[in-house]
Full PDB file with SEQRES, HELIX, SHEET, SSBOND, CRYST1, ORIGX, SCALE, CONECT and MASTER records, all heavy atoms in Angstrom:
SEQRES   1 A   38  ASN LYS LYS ASN GLY GLN ILE TRP ASP ASP PHE TYR PRO          
SEQRES   2 A   38  CYS GLU PHE PHE GLU ASP ASP ILE LEU ASN LYS ARG LEU          
SEQRES   3 A   38  TYR VAL LEU MET ASP ASN ASP VAL LEU VAL SER ALA              
HELIX    1 AA1 CYS A   14  PHE A   16  5                                   3    
HELIX    2 AA2 PHE A   17  LEU A   22  1                                   6    
SHEET    1 AA1 2 LEU A  29  ASP A  31  0                                        
SHEET    2 AA1 2 VAL A  34  SER A  37 -1                                        
CRYST1    1.000    1.000    1.000  90.00  90.00  90.00 P 1           1          
ORIGX1      1.000000  0.000000  0.000000        0.00000                         
ORIGX2      0.000000  1.000000  0.000000        0.00000                         
ORIGX3      0.000000  0.000000  1.000000        0.00000                         
SCALE1      1.000000  0.000000  0.000000        0.00000                         
SCALE2      0.000000  1.000000  0.000000        0.00000                         
SCALE3      0.000000  0.000000  1.000000        0.00000                         
ATOM      1  N   ASN A   1     -42.711  20.821  -2.243  1.00  0.00           N  
ATOM      2  CA  ASN A   1     -41.927  20.270  -3.341  1.00  0.00           C  
ATOM      3  C   ASN A   1     -42.743  19.325  -4.215  1.00  0.00           C  
ATOM      4  O   ASN A   1     -42.517  19.247  -5.424  1.00  0.00           O  
ATOM      5  CB  ASN A   1     -40.675  19.575  -2.801  1.00  0.00           C  
ATOM      6  CG  ASN A   1     -39.669  20.572  -2.244  1.00  0.00           C  
ATOM      7  OD1 ASN A   1     -39.767  21.775  -2.447  1.00  0.00           O  
ATOM      8  ND2 ASN A   1     -38.694  20.062  -1.514  1.00  0.00           N  
ATOM      9  N   LYS A   2     -43.717  18.608  -3.631  1.00  0.00           N  
ATOM     10  CA  LYS A   2     -44.610  17.744  -4.423  1.00  0.00           C  
ATOM     11  C   LYS A   2     -45.452  18.586  -5.375  1.00  0.00           C  
ATOM     12  O   LYS A   2     -45.684  18.194  -6.515  1.00  0.00           O  
ATOM     13  CB  LYS A   2     -45.549  16.954  -3.503  1.00  0.00           C  
ATOM     14  CG  LYS A   2     -45.007  15.650  -3.047  1.00  0.00           C  
ATOM     15  CD  LYS A   2     -46.095  14.879  -2.300  1.00  0.00           C  
ATOM     16  CE  LYS A   2     -45.467  14.155  -1.140  1.00  0.00           C  
ATOM     17  NZ  LYS A   2     -46.421  13.648  -0.179  1.00  0.00           N  
ATOM     18  N   LYS A   3     -45.931  19.720  -4.893  1.00  0.00           N  
ATOM     19  CA  LYS A   3     -46.831  20.559  -5.691  1.00  0.00           C  
ATOM     20  C   LYS A   3     -46.093  21.428  -6.703  1.00  0.00           C  
ATOM     21  O   LYS A   3     -46.613  21.707  -7.775  1.00  0.00           O  
ATOM     22  CB  LYS A   3     -47.649  21.467  -4.773  1.00  0.00           C  
ATOM     23  CG  LYS A   3     -48.662  20.732  -3.940  1.00  0.00           C  
ATOM     24  CD  LYS A   3     -49.424  21.696  -3.047  1.00  0.00           C  
ATOM     25  CE  LYS A   3     -50.441  20.965  -2.193  1.00  0.00           C  
ATOM     26  NZ  LYS A   3     -51.152  21.875  -1.292  1.00  0.00           N  
ATOM     27  N   ASN A   4     -44.901  21.931  -6.341  1.00  0.00           N  
ATOM     28  CA  ASN A   4     -44.229  22.945  -7.153  1.00  0.00           C  
ATOM     29  C   ASN A   4     -42.877  22.519  -7.712  1.00  0.00           C  
ATOM     30  O   ASN A   4     -42.206  23.322  -8.341  1.00  0.00           O  
ATOM     31  CB  ASN A   4     -44.001  24.209  -6.307  1.00  0.00           C  
ATOM     32  CG  ASN A   4     -45.286  24.749  -5.736  1.00  0.00           C  
ATOM     33  OD1 ASN A   4     -46.243  24.966  -6.453  1.00  0.00           O  
ATOM     34  ND2 ASN A   4     -45.321  24.951  -4.431  1.00  0.00           N  
ATOM     35  N   GLY A   5     -42.436  21.313  -7.459  1.00  0.00           N  
ATOM     36  CA  GLY A   5     -41.067  20.932  -7.806  1.00  0.00           C  
ATOM     37  C   GLY A   5     -40.152  21.374  -6.677  1.00  0.00           C  
ATOM     38  O   GLY A   5     -40.568  22.116  -5.785  1.00  0.00           O  
ATOM     39  N   GLN A   6     -38.908  20.934  -6.696  1.00  0.00           N  
ATOM     40  CA  GLN A   6     -38.023  21.213  -5.569  1.00  0.00           C  
ATOM     41  C   GLN A   6     -37.730  22.704  -5.427  1.00  0.00           C  
ATOM     42  O   GLN A   6     -37.287  23.354  -6.357  1.00  0.00           O  
ATOM     43  CB  GLN A   6     -36.701  20.462  -5.687  1.00  0.00           C  
ATOM     44  CG  GLN A   6     -35.854  20.662  -4.455  1.00  0.00           C  
ATOM     45  CD  GLN A   6     -34.543  19.914  -4.489  1.00  0.00           C  
ATOM     46  OE1 GLN A   6     -34.259  19.175  -5.418  1.00  0.00           O  
ATOM     47  NE2 GLN A   6     -33.740  20.127  -3.472  1.00  0.00           N  
ATOM     48  N   ILE A   7     -38.022  23.208  -4.238  1.00  0.00           N  
ATOM     49  CA  ILE A   7     -37.703  24.585  -3.871  1.00  0.00           C  
ATOM     50  C   ILE A   7     -36.836  24.559  -2.621  1.00  0.00           C  
ATOM     51  O   ILE A   7     -35.790  25.189  -2.558  1.00  0.00           O  
ATOM     52  CB  ILE A   7     -38.981  25.415  -3.653  1.00  0.00           C  
ATOM     53  CG1 ILE A   7     -39.781  25.515  -4.966  1.00  0.00           C  
ATOM     54  CG2 ILE A   7     -38.630  26.800  -3.125  1.00  0.00           C  
ATOM     55  CD1 ILE A   7     -41.136  26.156  -4.837  1.00  0.00           C  
ATOM     56  N   TRP A   8     -37.269  23.821  -1.591  1.00  0.00           N  
ATOM     57  CA  TRP A   8     -36.513  23.659  -0.353  1.00  0.00           C  
ATOM     58  C   TRP A   8     -35.990  22.234  -0.291  1.00  0.00           C  
ATOM     59  O   TRP A   8     -36.423  21.362  -1.048  1.00  0.00           O  
ATOM     60  CB  TRP A   8     -37.402  23.941   0.859  1.00  0.00           C  
ATOM     61  CG  TRP A   8     -37.755  25.382   1.064  1.00  0.00           C  
ATOM     62  CD1 TRP A   8     -37.248  26.463   0.403  1.00  0.00           C  
ATOM     63  CD2 TRP A   8     -38.694  25.904   2.002  1.00  0.00           C  
ATOM     64  NE1 TRP A   8     -37.815  27.620   0.875  1.00  0.00           N  
ATOM     65  CE2 TRP A   8     -38.700  27.306   1.855  1.00  0.00           C  
ATOM     66  CE3 TRP A   8     -39.526  25.331   2.952  1.00  0.00           C  
ATOM     67  CZ2 TRP A   8     -39.514  28.131   2.638  1.00  0.00           C  
ATOM     68  CZ3 TRP A   8     -40.335  26.145   3.725  1.00  0.00           C  
ATOM     69  CH2 TRP A   8     -40.324  27.539   3.563  1.00  0.00           C  
ATOM     70  N   ASP A   9     -35.074  21.994   0.655  1.00  0.00           N  
ATOM     71  CA  ASP A   9     -34.514  20.656   0.802  1.00  0.00           C  
ATOM     72  C   ASP A   9     -34.298  20.340   2.285  1.00  0.00           C  
ATOM     73  O   ASP A   9     -34.786  21.061   3.153  1.00  0.00           O  
ATOM     74  CB  ASP A   9     -33.218  20.516  -0.001  1.00  0.00           C  
ATOM     75  CG  ASP A   9     -32.146  21.530   0.381  1.00  0.00           C  
ATOM     76  OD1 ASP A   9     -32.169  22.053   1.522  1.00  0.00           O  
ATOM     77  OD2 ASP A   9     -31.272  21.799  -0.462  1.00  0.00           O  
ATOM     78  N   ASP A  10     -33.547  19.278   2.559  1.00  0.00           N  
ATOM     79  CA  ASP A  10     -33.305  18.876   3.948  1.00  0.00           C  
ATOM     80  C   ASP A  10     -32.487  19.913   4.718  1.00  0.00           C  
ATOM     81  O   ASP A  10     -32.550  19.973   5.937  1.00  0.00           O  
ATOM     82  CB  ASP A  10     -32.583  17.525   3.998  1.00  0.00           C  
ATOM     83  CG  ASP A  10     -33.469  16.391   3.530  1.00  0.00           C  
ATOM     84  OD1 ASP A  10     -34.705  16.529   3.590  1.00  0.00           O  
ATOM     85  OD2 ASP A  10     -32.920  15.358   3.096  1.00  0.00           O  
ATOM     86  N   PHE A  11     -31.725  20.720   4.011  1.00  0.00           N  
ATOM     87  CA  PHE A  11     -30.884  21.738   4.658  1.00  0.00           C  
ATOM     88  C   PHE A  11     -31.646  23.052   4.860  1.00  0.00           C  
ATOM     89  O   PHE A  11     -31.667  23.606   5.955  1.00  0.00           O  
ATOM     90  CB  PHE A  11     -29.621  21.967   3.814  1.00  0.00           C  
ATOM     91  CG  PHE A  11     -28.688  22.978   4.414  1.00  0.00           C  
ATOM     92  CD1 PHE A  11     -27.863  22.636   5.468  1.00  0.00           C  
ATOM     93  CD2 PHE A  11     -28.646  24.275   3.927  1.00  0.00           C  
ATOM     94  CE1 PHE A  11     -26.998  23.566   6.037  1.00  0.00           C  
ATOM     95  CE2 PHE A  11     -27.801  25.212   4.482  1.00  0.00           C  
ATOM     96  CZ  PHE A  11     -26.971  24.858   5.535  1.00  0.00           C  
ATOM     97  N   TYR A  12     -32.233  23.562   3.768  1.00  0.00           N  
ATOM     98  CA  TYR A  12     -32.923  24.856   3.834  1.00  0.00           C  
ATOM     99  C   TYR A  12     -34.431  24.638   3.866  1.00  0.00           C  
ATOM    100  O   TYR A  12     -34.943  23.896   3.037  1.00  0.00           O  
ATOM    101  CB  TYR A  12     -32.563  25.733   2.624  1.00  0.00           C  
ATOM    102  CG  TYR A  12     -33.128  27.131   2.771  1.00  0.00           C  
ATOM    103  CD1 TYR A  12     -32.408  28.104   3.438  1.00  0.00           C  
ATOM    104  CD2 TYR A  12     -34.392  27.451   2.302  1.00  0.00           C  
ATOM    105  CE1 TYR A  12     -32.930  29.375   3.609  1.00  0.00           C  
ATOM    106  CE2 TYR A  12     -34.917  28.709   2.469  1.00  0.00           C  
ATOM    107  CZ  TYR A  12     -34.185  29.670   3.119  1.00  0.00           C  
ATOM    108  OH  TYR A  12     -34.715  30.928   3.301  1.00  0.00           O  
ATOM    109  N   PRO A  13     -35.126  25.274   4.782  1.00  0.00           N  
ATOM    110  CA  PRO A  13     -34.716  26.333   5.704  1.00  0.00           C  
ATOM    111  C   PRO A  13     -34.336  25.853   7.111  1.00  0.00           C  
ATOM    112  O   PRO A  13     -33.883  26.647   7.927  1.00  0.00           O  
ATOM    113  CB  PRO A  13     -35.955  27.205   5.777  1.00  0.00           C  
ATOM    114  CG  PRO A  13     -37.094  26.222   5.693  1.00  0.00           C  
ATOM    115  CD  PRO A  13     -36.599  25.160   4.730  1.00  0.00           C  
ATOM    116  N   CYS A  14     -34.518  24.569   7.390  1.00  0.00           N  
ATOM    117  CA  CYS A  14     -34.417  24.080   8.778  1.00  0.00           C  
ATOM    118  C   CYS A  14     -33.088  24.380   9.463  1.00  0.00           C  
ATOM    119  O   CYS A  14     -33.064  24.662  10.664  1.00  0.00           O  
ATOM    120  CB  CYS A  14     -34.716  22.586   8.836  1.00  0.00           C  
ATOM    121  SG  CYS A  14     -36.482  22.241   8.597  1.00  0.00           S  
ATOM    122  N   GLU A  15     -31.994  24.336   8.715  1.00  0.00           N  
ATOM    123  CA  GLU A  15     -30.692  24.548   9.360  1.00  0.00           C  
ATOM    124  C   GLU A  15     -30.444  26.004   9.752  1.00  0.00           C  
ATOM    125  O   GLU A  15     -29.467  26.298  10.437  1.00  0.00           O  
ATOM    126  CB  GLU A  15     -29.567  24.024   8.465  1.00  0.00           C  
ATOM    127  CG  GLU A  15     -29.589  22.506   8.330  1.00  0.00           C  
ATOM    128  CD  GLU A  15     -29.577  21.774   9.671  1.00  0.00           C  
ATOM    129  OE1 GLU A  15     -28.760  22.121  10.545  1.00  0.00           O  
ATOM    130  OE2 GLU A  15     -30.402  20.845   9.841  1.00  0.00           O  
ATOM    131  N   PHE A  16     -31.316  26.906   9.369  1.00  0.00           N  
ATOM    132  CA  PHE A  16     -31.168  28.319   9.727  1.00  0.00           C  
ATOM    133  C   PHE A  16     -31.974  28.701  10.970  1.00  0.00           C  
ATOM    134  O   PHE A  16     -31.770  29.758  11.548  1.00  0.00           O  
ATOM    135  CB  PHE A  16     -31.588  29.210   8.558  1.00  0.00           C  
ATOM    136  CG  PHE A  16     -30.610  29.187   7.424  1.00  0.00           C  
ATOM    137  CD1 PHE A  16     -30.632  28.158   6.491  1.00  0.00           C  
ATOM    138  CD2 PHE A  16     -29.652  30.181   7.297  1.00  0.00           C  
ATOM    139  CE1 PHE A  16     -29.725  28.119   5.453  1.00  0.00           C  
ATOM    140  CE2 PHE A  16     -28.741  30.163   6.253  1.00  0.00           C  
ATOM    141  CZ  PHE A  16     -28.773  29.125   5.327  1.00  0.00           C  
ATOM    142  N   PHE A  17     -32.916  27.855  11.356  1.00  0.00           N  
ATOM    143  CA  PHE A  17     -33.842  28.234  12.426  1.00  0.00           C  
ATOM    144  C   PHE A  17     -33.178  28.463  13.779  1.00  0.00           C  
ATOM    145  O   PHE A  17     -33.552  29.386  14.494  1.00  0.00           O  
ATOM    146  CB  PHE A  17     -34.976  27.210  12.558  1.00  0.00           C  
ATOM    147  CG  PHE A  17     -35.933  27.224  11.401  1.00  0.00           C  
ATOM    148  CD1 PHE A  17     -36.436  26.037  10.890  1.00  0.00           C  
ATOM    149  CD2 PHE A  17     -36.360  28.408  10.822  1.00  0.00           C  
ATOM    150  CE1 PHE A  17     -37.336  26.039   9.837  1.00  0.00           C  
ATOM    151  CE2 PHE A  17     -37.249  28.425   9.769  1.00  0.00           C  
ATOM    152  CZ  PHE A  17     -37.741  27.228   9.270  1.00  0.00           C  
ATOM    153  N   GLU A  18     -32.220  27.638  14.156  1.00  0.00           N  
ATOM    154  CA  GLU A  18     -31.574  27.830  15.461  1.00  0.00           C  
ATOM    155  C   GLU A  18     -30.899  29.199  15.529  1.00  0.00           C  
ATOM    156  O   GLU A  18     -31.058  29.933  16.508  1.00  0.00           O  
ATOM    157  CB  GLU A  18     -30.572  26.720  15.759  1.00  0.00           C  
ATOM    158  CG  GLU A  18     -29.950  26.873  17.139  1.00  0.00           C  
ATOM    159  CD  GLU A  18     -29.068  25.695  17.531  1.00  0.00           C  
ATOM    160  OE1 GLU A  18     -28.959  24.713  16.774  1.00  0.00           O  
ATOM    161  OE2 GLU A  18     -28.503  25.765  18.634  1.00  0.00           O  
ATOM    162  N   ASP A  19     -30.169  29.556  14.479  1.00  0.00           N  
ATOM    163  CA  ASP A  19     -29.517  30.864  14.436  1.00  0.00           C  
ATOM    164  C   ASP A  19     -30.555  31.992  14.441  1.00  0.00           C  
ATOM    165  O   ASP A  19     -30.378  33.007  15.111  1.00  0.00           O  
ATOM    166  CB  ASP A  19     -28.626  30.955  13.194  1.00  0.00           C  
ATOM    167  CG  ASP A  19     -27.759  32.192  13.203  1.00  0.00           C  
ATOM    168  OD1 ASP A  19     -26.999  32.386  14.172  1.00  0.00           O  
ATOM    169  OD2 ASP A  19     -27.855  32.970  12.236  1.00  0.00           O  
ATOM    170  N   ASP A  20     -31.646  31.792  13.705  1.00  0.00           N  
ATOM    171  CA  ASP A  20     -32.729  32.796  13.701  1.00  0.00           C  
ATOM    172  C   ASP A  20     -33.289  32.998  15.110  1.00  0.00           C  
ATOM    173  O   ASP A  20     -33.532  34.133  15.531  1.00  0.00           O  
ATOM    174  CB  ASP A  20     -33.862  32.368  12.763  1.00  0.00           C  
ATOM    175  CG  ASP A  20     -33.514  32.507  11.290  1.00  0.00           C  
ATOM    176  OD1 ASP A  20     -32.603  33.274  10.941  1.00  0.00           O  
ATOM    177  OD2 ASP A  20     -34.183  31.824  10.480  1.00  0.00           O  
ATOM    178  N   ILE A  21     -33.486  31.899  15.840  1.00  0.00           N  
ATOM    179  CA  ILE A  21     -34.027  31.998  17.199  1.00  0.00           C  
ATOM    180  C   ILE A  21     -33.033  32.713  18.111  1.00  0.00           C  
ATOM    181  O   ILE A  21     -33.399  33.639  18.843  1.00  0.00           O  
ATOM    182  CB  ILE A  21     -34.375  30.601  17.754  1.00  0.00           C  
ATOM    183  CG1 ILE A  21     -35.571  30.003  16.996  1.00  0.00           C  
ATOM    184  CG2 ILE A  21     -34.687  30.681  19.255  1.00  0.00           C  
ATOM    185  CD1 ILE A  21     -35.824  28.525  17.281  1.00  0.00           C  
ATOM    186  N   LEU A  22     -31.775  32.303  18.060  1.00  0.00           N  
ATOM    187  CA  LEU A  22     -30.757  32.907  18.922  1.00  0.00           C  
ATOM    188  C   LEU A  22     -30.572  34.398  18.648  1.00  0.00           C  
ATOM    189  O   LEU A  22     -30.240  35.168  19.544  1.00  0.00           O  
ATOM    190  CB  LEU A  22     -29.429  32.163  18.779  1.00  0.00           C  
ATOM    191  CG  LEU A  22     -29.443  30.712  19.271  1.00  0.00           C  
ATOM    192  CD1 LEU A  22     -28.122  30.019  18.943  1.00  0.00           C  
ATOM    193  CD2 LEU A  22     -29.750  30.637  20.763  1.00  0.00           C  
ATOM    194  N   ASN A  23     -30.813  34.806  17.405  1.00  0.00           N  
ATOM    195  CA  ASN A  23     -30.675  36.216  17.023  1.00  0.00           C  
ATOM    196  C   ASN A  23     -32.003  36.969  17.021  1.00  0.00           C  
ATOM    197  O   ASN A  23     -32.088  38.069  16.480  1.00  0.00           O  
ATOM    198  CB  ASN A  23     -29.975  36.319  15.667  1.00  0.00           C  
ATOM    199  CG  ASN A  23     -28.514  35.991  15.790  1.00  0.00           C  
ATOM    200  OD1 ASN A  23     -27.745  36.763  16.363  1.00  0.00           O  
ATOM    201  ND2 ASN A  23     -28.118  34.818  15.306  1.00  0.00           N  
ATOM    202  N   LYS A  24     -33.030  36.355  17.602  1.00  0.00           N  
ATOM    203  CA  LYS A  24     -34.351  36.976  17.773  1.00  0.00           C  
ATOM    204  C   LYS A  24     -34.922  37.524  16.464  1.00  0.00           C  
ATOM    205  O   LYS A  24     -35.379  38.652  16.380  1.00  0.00           O  
ATOM    206  CB  LYS A  24     -34.289  38.069  18.844  1.00  0.00           C  
ATOM    207  CG  LYS A  24     -33.860  37.525  20.198  1.00  0.00           C  
ATOM    208  CD  LYS A  24     -34.025  38.548  21.295  1.00  0.00           C  
ATOM    209  CE  LYS A  24     -33.571  38.055  22.629  1.00  0.00           C  
ATOM    210  NZ  LYS A  24     -34.025  36.781  23.088  1.00  0.00           N  
ATOM    211  N   ARG A  25     -34.915  36.652  15.451  1.00  0.00           N  
ATOM    212  CA  ARG A  25     -35.486  37.054  14.167  1.00  0.00           C  
ATOM    213  C   ARG A  25     -36.480  36.031  13.605  1.00  0.00           C  
ATOM    214  O   ARG A  25     -36.919  36.152  12.475  1.00  0.00           O  
ATOM    215  CB  ARG A  25     -34.394  37.381  13.170  1.00  0.00           C  
ATOM    216  CG  ARG A  25     -33.462  36.267  12.836  1.00  0.00           C  
ATOM    217  CD  ARG A  25     -32.398  36.683  11.813  1.00  0.00           C  
ATOM    218  NE  ARG A  25     -31.491  35.585  11.625  1.00  0.00           N  
ATOM    219  CZ  ARG A  25     -30.180  35.638  11.834  1.00  0.00           C  
ATOM    220  NH1 ARG A  25     -29.623  36.764  12.204  1.00  0.00           N  
ATOM    221  NH2 ARG A  25     -29.434  34.579  11.639  1.00  0.00           N  
ATOM    222  N   LEU A  26     -36.822  35.014  14.416  1.00  0.00           N  
ATOM    223  CA  LEU A  26     -37.810  34.031  13.977  1.00  0.00           C  
ATOM    224  C   LEU A  26     -39.084  34.222  14.790  1.00  0.00           C  
ATOM    225  O   LEU A  26     -39.051  34.207  16.022  1.00  0.00           O  
ATOM    226  CB  LEU A  26     -37.294  32.600  14.148  1.00  0.00           C  
ATOM    227  CG  LEU A  26     -38.201  31.515  13.551  1.00  0.00           C  
ATOM    228  CD1 LEU A  26     -38.249  31.621  12.026  1.00  0.00           C  
ATOM    229  CD2 LEU A  26     -37.725  30.129  13.953  1.00  0.00           C  
ATOM    230  N   TYR A  27     -40.189  34.417  14.092  1.00  0.00           N  
ATOM    231  CA  TYR A  27     -41.486  34.658  14.718  1.00  0.00           C  
ATOM    232  C   TYR A  27     -42.390  33.470  14.459  1.00  0.00           C  
ATOM    233  O   TYR A  27     -42.349  32.868  13.384  1.00  0.00           O  
ATOM    234  CB  TYR A  27     -42.114  35.929  14.137  1.00  0.00           C  
ATOM    235  CG  TYR A  27     -41.317  37.158  14.465  1.00  0.00           C  
ATOM    236  CD1 TYR A  27     -40.221  37.537  13.689  1.00  0.00           C  
ATOM    237  CD2 TYR A  27     -41.638  37.940  15.569  1.00  0.00           C  
ATOM    238  CE1 TYR A  27     -39.476  38.659  14.003  1.00  0.00           C  
ATOM    239  CE2 TYR A  27     -40.889  39.076  15.892  1.00  0.00           C  
ATOM    240  CZ  TYR A  27     -39.813  39.416  15.101  1.00  0.00           C  
ATOM    241  OH  TYR A  27     -39.071  40.524  15.420  1.00  0.00           O  
ATOM    242  N   VAL A  28     -43.215  33.155  15.442  1.00  0.00           N  
ATOM    243  CA  VAL A  28     -44.136  32.027  15.320  1.00  0.00           C  
ATOM    244  C   VAL A  28     -45.558  32.455  15.679  1.00  0.00           C  
ATOM    245  O   VAL A  28     -45.762  33.385  16.460  1.00  0.00           O  
ATOM    246  CB  VAL A  28     -43.720  30.836  16.217  1.00  0.00           C  
ATOM    247  CG1 VAL A  28     -42.393  30.242  15.752  1.00  0.00           C  
ATOM    248  CG2 VAL A  28     -43.654  31.216  17.677  1.00  0.00           C  
ATOM    249  N   LEU A  29     -46.505  31.734  15.107  1.00  0.00           N  
ATOM    250  CA  LEU A  29     -47.902  31.830  15.486  1.00  0.00           C  
ATOM    251  C   LEU A  29     -48.257  30.474  16.069  1.00  0.00           C  
ATOM    252  O   LEU A  29     -48.084  29.434  15.410  1.00  0.00           O  
ATOM    253  CB  LEU A  29     -48.789  32.149  14.276  1.00  0.00           C  
ATOM    254  CG  LEU A  29     -50.280  32.323  14.573  1.00  0.00           C  
ATOM    255  CD1 LEU A  29     -50.523  33.545  15.466  1.00  0.00           C  
ATOM    256  CD2 LEU A  29     -51.064  32.461  13.269  1.00  0.00           C  
ATOM    257  N   MET A  30     -48.709  30.483  17.329  1.00  0.00           N  
ATOM    258  CA  MET A  30     -49.005  29.237  18.038  1.00  0.00           C  
ATOM    259  C   MET A  30     -50.500  29.141  18.329  1.00  0.00           C  
ATOM    260  O   MET A  30     -51.139  30.138  18.668  1.00  0.00           O  
ATOM    261  CB  MET A  30     -48.236  29.184  19.361  1.00  0.00           C  
ATOM    262  CG  MET A  30     -46.726  29.313  19.237  1.00  0.00           C  
ATOM    263  SD  MET A  30     -45.913  27.964  18.350  1.00  0.00           S  
ATOM    264  CE  MET A  30     -46.180  26.602  19.486  1.00  0.00           C  
ATOM    265  N   ASP A  31     -51.038  27.943  18.198  1.00  0.00           N  
ATOM    266  CA  ASP A  31     -52.403  27.628  18.588  1.00  0.00           C  
ATOM    267  C   ASP A  31     -52.269  26.670  19.770  1.00  0.00           C  
ATOM    268  O   ASP A  31     -52.026  25.474  19.585  1.00  0.00           O  
ATOM    269  CB  ASP A  31     -53.146  26.972  17.425  1.00  0.00           C  
ATOM    270  CG  ASP A  31     -54.608  26.703  17.721  1.00  0.00           C  
ATOM    271  OD1 ASP A  31     -55.094  27.089  18.808  1.00  0.00           O  
ATOM    272  OD2 ASP A  31     -55.274  26.098  16.849  1.00  0.00           O  
ATOM    273  N   ASN A  32     -52.356  27.221  20.981  1.00  0.00           N  
ATOM    274  CA  ASN A  32     -51.991  26.489  22.196  1.00  0.00           C  
ATOM    275  C   ASN A  32     -50.530  26.058  22.042  1.00  0.00           C  
ATOM    276  O   ASN A  32     -49.672  26.907  21.922  1.00  0.00           O  
ATOM    277  CB  ASN A  32     -52.955  25.352  22.491  1.00  0.00           C  
ATOM    278  CG  ASN A  32     -54.346  25.873  22.822  1.00  0.00           C  
ATOM    279  OD1 ASN A  32     -54.495  26.778  23.633  1.00  0.00           O  
ATOM    280  ND2 ASN A  32     -55.358  25.318  22.176  1.00  0.00           N  
ATOM    281  N   ASP A  33     -50.253  24.766  21.998  1.00  0.00           N  
ATOM    282  CA  ASP A  33     -48.868  24.305  21.865  1.00  0.00           C  
ATOM    283  C   ASP A  33     -48.520  23.862  20.445  1.00  0.00           C  
ATOM    284  O   ASP A  33     -47.475  23.239  20.231  1.00  0.00           O  
ATOM    285  CB  ASP A  33     -48.615  23.139  22.829  1.00  0.00           C  
ATOM    286  CG  ASP A  33     -48.641  23.584  24.282  1.00  0.00           C  
ATOM    287  OD1 ASP A  33     -48.345  24.761  24.544  1.00  0.00           O  
ATOM    288  OD2 ASP A  33     -48.965  22.744  25.146  1.00  0.00           O  
ATOM    289  N   VAL A  34     -49.376  24.165  19.480  1.00  0.00           N  
ATOM    290  CA  VAL A  34     -49.166  23.725  18.104  1.00  0.00           C  
ATOM    291  C   VAL A  34     -48.659  24.889  17.253  1.00  0.00           C  
ATOM    292  O   VAL A  34     -49.255  25.968  17.237  1.00  0.00           O  
ATOM    293  CB  VAL A  34     -50.483  23.171  17.497  1.00  0.00           C  
ATOM    294  CG1 VAL A  34     -50.290  22.786  16.037  1.00  0.00           C  
ATOM    295  CG2 VAL A  34     -50.985  21.984  18.308  1.00  0.00           C  
ATOM    296  N   LEU A  35     -47.543  24.649  16.542  1.00  0.00           N  
ATOM    297  CA  LEU A  35     -47.013  25.651  15.627  1.00  0.00           C  
ATOM    298  C   LEU A  35     -47.935  25.764  14.416  1.00  0.00           C  
ATOM    299  O   LEU A  35     -48.163  24.781  13.710  1.00  0.00           O  
ATOM    300  CB  LEU A  35     -45.602  25.264  15.162  1.00  0.00           C  
ATOM    301  CG  LEU A  35     -45.006  26.224  14.145  1.00  0.00           C  
ATOM    302  CD1 LEU A  35     -44.574  27.518  14.816  1.00  0.00           C  
ATOM    303  CD2 LEU A  35     -43.847  25.578  13.411  1.00  0.00           C  
ATOM    304  N   VAL A  36     -48.451  26.964  14.204  1.00  0.00           N  
ATOM    305  CA  VAL A  36     -49.320  27.231  13.064  1.00  0.00           C  
ATOM    306  C   VAL A  36     -48.498  27.731  11.881  1.00  0.00           C  
ATOM    307  O   VAL A  36     -48.691  27.311  10.744  1.00  0.00           O  
ATOM    308  CB  VAL A  36     -50.405  28.266  13.435  1.00  0.00           C  
ATOM    309  CG1 VAL A  36     -51.241  28.663  12.227  1.00  0.00           C  
ATOM    310  CG2 VAL A  36     -51.290  27.730  14.555  1.00  0.00           C  
ATOM    311  N   SER A  37     -47.555  28.639  12.167  1.00  0.00           N  
ATOM    312  CA  SER A  37     -46.780  29.264  11.100  1.00  0.00           C  
ATOM    313  C   SER A  37     -45.540  29.912  11.694  1.00  0.00           C  
ATOM    314  O   SER A  37     -45.482  30.183  12.898  1.00  0.00           O  
ATOM    315  CB  SER A  37     -47.653  30.319  10.405  1.00  0.00           C  
ATOM    316  OG  SER A  37     -46.975  30.907   9.315  1.00  0.00           O  
ATOM    317  N   ALA A  38     -44.565  30.182  10.821  1.00  0.00           N  
ATOM    318  CA  ALA A  38     -43.351  30.860  11.248  1.00  0.00           C  
ATOM    319  C   ALA A  38     -42.741  31.612  10.071  1.00  0.00           C  
ATOM    320  O   ALA A  38     -42.968  31.257   8.915  1.00  0.00           O  
ATOM    321  CB  ALA A  38     -42.333  29.863  11.798  1.00  0.00           C  
TER     322      ALA A  38                                                      
MASTER        0    0    0    2    2    0    0    6  321    1    0    3          
END                                                                             
């Protein structure tokens, strides 16, 4: 948002992640225990 102006906010996308996980549609790339991307 600093670089491009507001695109995401406190609600999106974070409030969708739990449902994504429960429905097996969220994928992650991990470097040991560190989240690299999702």
